[in-house]
Amino acid sequence: MAAAEAAKLGRPLILSDIPVHRELFRNYALLVDPDVAHFPWEQFQAYLSDFKLKPRWEFFEATEPEVVARNYKHFFEKVSVG
């Protein structure tokens, strides 16, 4: 399952700490340094225990199918005129 799909379903995420994940999931996922060999178990347990208190993923509304479709439609209307 893609990370965005999991976030929309309200699932906890454990992701590599890379720029795109920091941008999209900074306040939602547990970001783990991909260059570190050990897994941060204590941080993981704290993340899971606090996960129920997290607000909905910040891009939940922007990724709703109707919103995405409307944005694509507007984009193509703009680029096709002229």
N, C-alpha and C. Protein backbone atom coordinates (compact mmCIF):
# COMPACT_ATOMS: atom_id res chain seq x y z
N MET A 1 0.85 -1.18 0.00
CA MET A 1 0.00 0.00 0.00
C MET A 1 0.90 1.24 0.00
N ALA A 2 0.58 2.18 -0.83
CA ALA A 2 1.35 3.42 -0.88
C ALA A 2 1.19 4.19 0.43
N ALA A 3 2.22 4.94 0.79
CA ALA A 3 2.19 5.68 2.04
C ALA A 3 1.00 6.65 2.10
N ALA A 4 0.70 7.32 1.01
CA ALA A 4 -0.43 8.25 1.01
C ALA A 4 -1.75 7.52 1.23
N GLU A 5 -1.91 6.36 0.63
CA GLU A 5 -3.13 5.58 0.84
C GLU A 5 -3.26 5.16 2.29
N ALA A 6 -2.16 4.71 2.88
CA ALA A 6 -2.17 4.30 4.28
C ALA A 6 -2.50 5.49 5.18
N ALA A 7 -1.92 6.65 4.89
CA ALA A 7 -2.21 7.84 5.68
C ALA A 7 -3.68 8.23 5.57
N LYS A 8 -4.23 8.14 4.38
CA LYS A 8 -5.66 8.47 4.20
C LYS A 8 -6.55 7.53 4.98
N LEU A 9 -6.09 6.29 5.17
CA LEU A 9 -6.87 5.31 5.95
C LEU A 9 -6.59 5.42 7.44
N GLY A 10 -5.75 6.36 7.82
CA GLY A 10 -5.46 6.57 9.24
C GLY A 10 -4.54 5.54 9.85
N ARG A 11 -3.67 4.94 9.04
CA ARG A 11 -2.75 3.91 9.52
C ARG A 11 -1.41 4.54 9.92
N PRO A 12 -0.77 3.97 10.92
CA PRO A 12 0.57 4.45 11.28
C PRO A 12 1.55 4.17 10.14
N LEU A 13 2.54 5.03 10.00
CA LEU A 13 3.54 4.88 8.94
C LEU A 13 4.94 4.88 9.53
N ILE A 14 5.76 3.97 9.06
CA ILE A 14 7.19 3.96 9.35
C ILE A 14 7.86 4.13 8.00
N LEU A 15 8.54 5.25 7.81
CA LEU A 15 9.11 5.58 6.51
C LEU A 15 10.57 6.00 6.65
N SER A 16 11.31 5.83 5.58
CA SER A 16 12.69 6.32 5.54
C SER A 16 12.67 7.84 5.66
N ASP A 17 13.62 8.36 6.40
CA ASP A 17 13.72 9.80 6.58
C ASP A 17 14.44 10.39 5.37
N ILE A 18 13.67 10.59 4.31
CA ILE A 18 14.17 11.18 3.08
C ILE A 18 13.36 12.45 2.81
N PRO A 19 13.86 13.35 1.97
CA PRO A 19 13.18 14.63 1.77
C PRO A 19 11.69 14.52 1.42
N VAL A 20 11.31 13.65 0.51
CA VAL A 20 9.90 13.59 0.11
C VAL A 20 9.02 13.12 1.27
N HIS A 21 9.49 12.19 2.07
CA HIS A 21 8.71 11.74 3.23
C HIS A 21 8.62 12.83 4.29
N ARG A 22 9.72 13.56 4.49
CA ARG A 22 9.67 14.68 5.45
C ARG A 22 8.66 15.73 5.01
N GLU A 23 8.61 15.99 3.72
CA GLU A 23 7.70 17.01 3.20
C GLU A 23 6.23 16.58 3.34
N LEU A 24 5.94 15.33 3.01
CA LEU A 24 4.55 14.88 2.99
C LEU A 24 4.03 14.33 4.31
N PHE A 25 4.92 13.78 5.14
CA PHE A 25 4.46 13.06 6.33
C PHE A 25 5.17 13.50 7.62
N ARG A 26 5.74 14.70 7.65
CA ARG A 26 6.57 15.13 8.78
C ARG A 26 5.86 15.07 10.13
N ASN A 27 4.62 15.36 10.19
CA ASN A 27 3.90 15.35 11.47
C ASN A 27 3.01 14.12 11.62
N TYR A 28 3.17 13.17 10.74
CA TYR A 28 2.28 12.01 10.75
C TYR A 28 3.02 10.69 10.92
N ALA A 29 4.14 10.52 10.25
CA ALA A 29 4.85 9.24 10.23
C ALA A 29 6.03 9.22 11.19
N LEU A 30 6.46 8.00 11.52
CA LEU A 30 7.74 7.82 12.18
C LEU A 30 8.78 7.74 11.08
N LEU A 31 9.68 8.71 11.05
CA LEU A 31 10.70 8.75 10.02
C LEU A 31 11.99 8.17 10.58
N VAL A 32 12.53 7.17 9.88
CA VAL A 32 13.70 6.45 10.35
C VAL A 32 14.86 6.70 9.39
N ASP A 33 16.01 7.01 9.94
CA ASP A 33 17.20 7.27 9.14
C ASP A 33 17.59 6.01 8.37
N PRO A 34 17.60 6.04 7.05
CA PRO A 34 17.91 4.84 6.28
C PRO A 34 19.38 4.43 6.36
N ASP A 35 20.23 5.30 6.89
CA ASP A 35 21.65 5.00 7.00
C ASP A 35 22.05 4.42 8.35
N VAL A 36 21.08 4.24 9.23
CA VAL A 36 21.37 3.70 10.56
C VAL A 36 20.90 2.25 10.60
N ALA A 37 21.78 1.38 11.06
CA ALA A 37 21.49 -0.06 11.03
C ALA A 37 20.51 -0.51 12.11
N HIS A 38 20.44 0.20 13.22
CA HIS A 38 19.54 -0.24 14.30
C HIS A 38 18.18 0.44 14.19
N PHE A 39 17.15 -0.26 14.61
CA PHE A 39 15.80 0.28 14.57
C PHE A 39 15.51 0.96 15.90
N PRO A 40 14.93 2.16 15.89
CA PRO A 40 14.65 2.90 17.14
C PRO A 40 13.39 2.38 17.85
N TRP A 41 13.51 1.25 18.52
CA TRP A 41 12.35 0.60 19.14
C TRP A 41 11.61 1.48 20.13
N GLU A 42 12.34 2.21 20.96
CA GLU A 42 11.67 3.07 21.95
C GLU A 42 10.89 4.19 21.26
N GLN A 43 11.48 4.77 20.25
CA GLN A 43 10.79 5.82 19.47
C GLN A 43 9.57 5.24 18.77
N PHE A 44 9.70 4.03 18.25
CA PHE A 44 8.59 3.34 17.58
C PHE A 44 7.44 3.09 18.56
N GLN A 45 7.76 2.60 19.74
CA GLN A 45 6.71 2.33 20.74
C GLN A 45 6.01 3.61 21.17
N ALA A 46 6.78 4.69 21.34
CA ALA A 46 6.19 5.98 21.70
C ALA A 46 5.29 6.48 20.57
N TYR A 47 5.76 6.34 19.34
CA TYR A 47 4.96 6.76 18.17
C TYR A 47 3.64 6.02 18.14
N LEU A 48 3.68 4.71 18.30
CA LEU A 48 2.45 3.92 18.26
C LEU A 48 1.51 4.26 19.41
N SER A 49 2.05 4.47 20.59
CA SER A 49 1.17 4.78 21.73
C SER A 49 0.53 6.15 21.60
N ASP A 50 1.19 7.09 20.92
CA ASP A 50 0.63 8.43 20.72
C ASP A 50 -0.13 8.58 19.41
N PHE A 51 -0.11 7.56 18.58
CA PHE A 51 -0.67 7.70 17.23
C PHE A 51 -2.16 8.05 17.25
N LYS A 52 -2.91 7.49 18.17
CA LYS A 52 -4.36 7.75 18.23
C LYS A 52 -4.65 9.23 18.46
N LEU A 53 -3.70 9.95 19.04
CA LEU A 53 -3.88 11.37 19.34
C LEU A 53 -3.52 12.28 18.17
N LYS A 54 -2.90 11.72 17.14
CA LYS A 54 -2.49 12.53 15.99
C LYS A 54 -3.72 13.01 15.21
N PRO A 55 -3.64 14.23 14.71
CA PRO A 55 -4.73 14.69 13.83
C PRO A 55 -4.66 13.95 12.49
N ARG A 56 -5.70 14.08 11.73
CA ARG A 56 -5.74 13.47 10.40
C ARG A 56 -4.57 13.98 9.57
N TRP A 57 -4.09 13.15 8.64
CA TRP A 57 -2.98 13.52 7.77
C TRP A 57 -3.27 14.86 7.12
N GLU A 58 -2.31 15.77 7.12
CA GLU A 58 -2.54 17.14 6.66
C GLU A 58 -2.96 17.25 5.19
N PHE A 59 -2.64 16.24 4.37
CA PHE A 59 -3.01 16.29 2.96
C PHE A 59 -4.23 15.41 2.66
N PHE A 60 -4.98 15.05 3.69
CA PHE A 60 -6.15 14.20 3.52
C PHE A 60 -7.14 14.81 2.52
N GLU A 61 -7.52 16.04 2.75
CA GLU A 61 -8.51 16.70 1.89
C GLU A 61 -7.97 16.90 0.47
N ALA A 62 -6.72 17.32 0.35
CA ALA A 62 -6.13 17.61 -0.95
C ALA A 62 -6.01 16.38 -1.83
N THR A 63 -6.03 15.19 -1.21
CA THR A 63 -5.88 13.96 -1.98
C THR A 63 -7.20 13.20 -2.15
N GLU A 64 -8.28 13.83 -1.81
CA GLU A 64 -9.59 13.22 -2.07
C GLU A 64 -9.78 13.13 -3.59
N PRO A 65 -10.32 12.03 -4.09
CA PRO A 65 -10.45 11.85 -5.55
C PRO A 65 -11.16 13.01 -6.25
N GLU A 66 -12.20 13.55 -5.63
CA GLU A 66 -12.94 14.64 -6.26
C GLU A 66 -12.07 15.90 -6.38
N VAL A 67 -11.27 16.16 -5.36
CA VAL A 67 -10.40 17.34 -5.36
C VAL A 67 -9.31 17.17 -6.41
N VAL A 68 -8.70 16.00 -6.46
CA VAL A 68 -7.65 15.73 -7.44
C VAL A 68 -8.22 15.84 -8.86
N ALA A 69 -9.38 15.26 -9.09
CA ALA A 69 -10.00 15.32 -10.42
C ALA A 69 -10.29 16.76 -10.82
N ARG A 70 -10.81 17.54 -9.89
CA ARG A 70 -11.12 18.95 -10.18
C ARG A 70 -9.84 19.72 -10.50
N ASN A 71 -8.76 19.46 -9.74
CA ASN A 71 -7.49 20.15 -9.99
C ASN A 71 -6.91 19.77 -11.35
N TYR A 72 -6.99 18.49 -11.72
CA TYR A 72 -6.53 18.07 -13.05
C TYR A 72 -7.35 18.75 -14.13
N LYS A 73 -8.65 18.79 -13.95
CA LYS A 73 -9.54 19.41 -14.93
C LYS A 73 -9.17 20.87 -15.12
N HIS A 74 -8.97 21.59 -14.01
CA HIS A 74 -8.61 23.01 -14.11
C HIS A 74 -7.25 23.19 -14.78
N PHE A 75 -6.31 22.32 -14.45
CA PHE A 75 -4.99 22.40 -15.06
C PHE A 75 -5.10 22.22 -16.58
N PHE A 76 -5.80 21.18 -17.01
CA PHE A 76 -5.89 20.93 -18.44
C PHE A 76 -6.71 22.00 -19.17
N GLU A 77 -7.67 22.60 -18.49
CA GLU A 77 -8.40 23.72 -19.09
C GLU A 77 -7.47 24.91 -19.31
N LYS A 78 -6.59 25.16 -18.35
CA LYS A 78 -5.65 26.28 -18.46
C LYS A 78 -4.64 26.05 -19.58
N VAL A 79 -4.08 24.86 -19.67
CA VAL A 79 -3.04 24.62 -20.68
C VAL A 79 -3.61 24.40 -22.07
N SER A 80 -4.88 24.05 -22.18
CA SER A 80 -5.45 23.82 -23.51
C SER A 80 -6.00 25.09 -24.14
N VAL A 81 -6.19 26.13 -23.34
CA VAL A 81 -6.69 27.40 -23.86
C VAL A 81 -5.49 28.17 -24.42
N GLY A 82 -5.63 28.63 -25.62
CA GLY A 82 -4.56 29.46 -26.14
C GLY A 82 -4.13 29.05 -27.43
